[in-house]
Protein backbone atom coordinates (compact mmCIF):
# COMPACT_ATOMS: atom_id res chain seq x y z
CA MET A 1 -6.87 -84.89 10.41
CA PRO A 2 -6.68 -82.86 7.13
CA GLN A 3 -3.40 -84.36 6.22
CA MET A 4 -4.98 -87.56 5.51
CA SER A 5 -7.59 -86.18 3.17
CA PRO A 6 -5.67 -86.82 -0.21
CA LEU A 7 -5.13 -90.38 0.69
CA ASN A 8 -8.83 -90.85 1.33
CA TRP A 9 -9.58 -89.21 -1.99
CA LEU A 10 -7.07 -91.47 -3.71
CA ILE A 11 -8.64 -94.58 -2.15
CA LEU A 12 -12.14 -93.50 -3.14
CA PHE A 13 -11.01 -92.80 -6.75
CA ILE A 14 -9.31 -96.33 -6.92
CA PHE A 15 -12.41 -97.93 -5.40
CA PHE A 16 -14.84 -96.40 -7.81
CA SER A 17 -12.56 -96.96 -10.74
CA LEU A 18 -12.43 -100.69 -9.91
CA ILE A 19 -16.09 -100.80 -9.54
CA PHE A 20 -16.58 -99.14 -12.90
CA ILE A 21 -14.16 -101.71 -14.60
CA PHE A 22 -15.78 -104.62 -13.00
CA ILE A 23 -19.35 -103.58 -14.17
CA ASN A 24 -17.99 -103.09 -17.69
CA MET A 25 -16.35 -106.38 -17.73
CA LEU A 26 -19.57 -107.94 -16.52
CA ASN A 27 -21.56 -106.21 -19.24
CA TYR A 28 -19.00 -107.39 -21.95
CA PHE A 29 -18.66 -110.98 -20.89
CA ILE A 30 -22.15 -111.87 -19.64
CA LEU A 31 -24.44 -110.43 -22.10
CA ASN A 32 -25.07 -112.57 -25.27
CA TYR A 33 -26.19 -110.54 -28.23
CA LYS A 34 -28.70 -111.67 -30.58
CA TYR A 35 -26.45 -111.30 -33.78
CA SER A 36 -23.14 -112.50 -32.14
CA LYS A 37 -22.83 -115.67 -34.10
CA LYS A 38 -21.27 -115.24 -37.45
CA ASN A 39 -22.91 -118.33 -39.17
CA ASN A 40 -26.40 -116.77 -38.54
CA LEU A 41 -25.61 -113.56 -40.18
CA LYS A 42 -27.66 -112.96 -43.28
CA LYS A 43 -26.97 -110.15 -45.84
CA ILE A 44 -29.99 -108.02 -46.19
CA ASN A 45 -30.34 -106.50 -49.58
CA ASN A 46 -32.64 -103.54 -49.74
CA LYS A 47 -33.13 -102.04 -53.16
CA LEU A 48 -34.74 -98.77 -53.13
CA ASN A 49 -36.04 -97.00 -56.25
CA TRP A 50 -35.79 -93.26 -55.79
CA LYS A 51 -38.00 -91.26 -57.89
CA TRP A 52 -36.97 -87.66 -57.74
């Protein structure tokens, strides 16, 4: 039935969009980054002497 084709494409689009959002949420909330804590941050002071 070709009349149902747009509905199927819409459902597929919604399905994959939800999967994409879900994976992004998992990556954001599950991953713990090494420098995420503010009290462990240290200022790195690199002084470079440029000799032209």
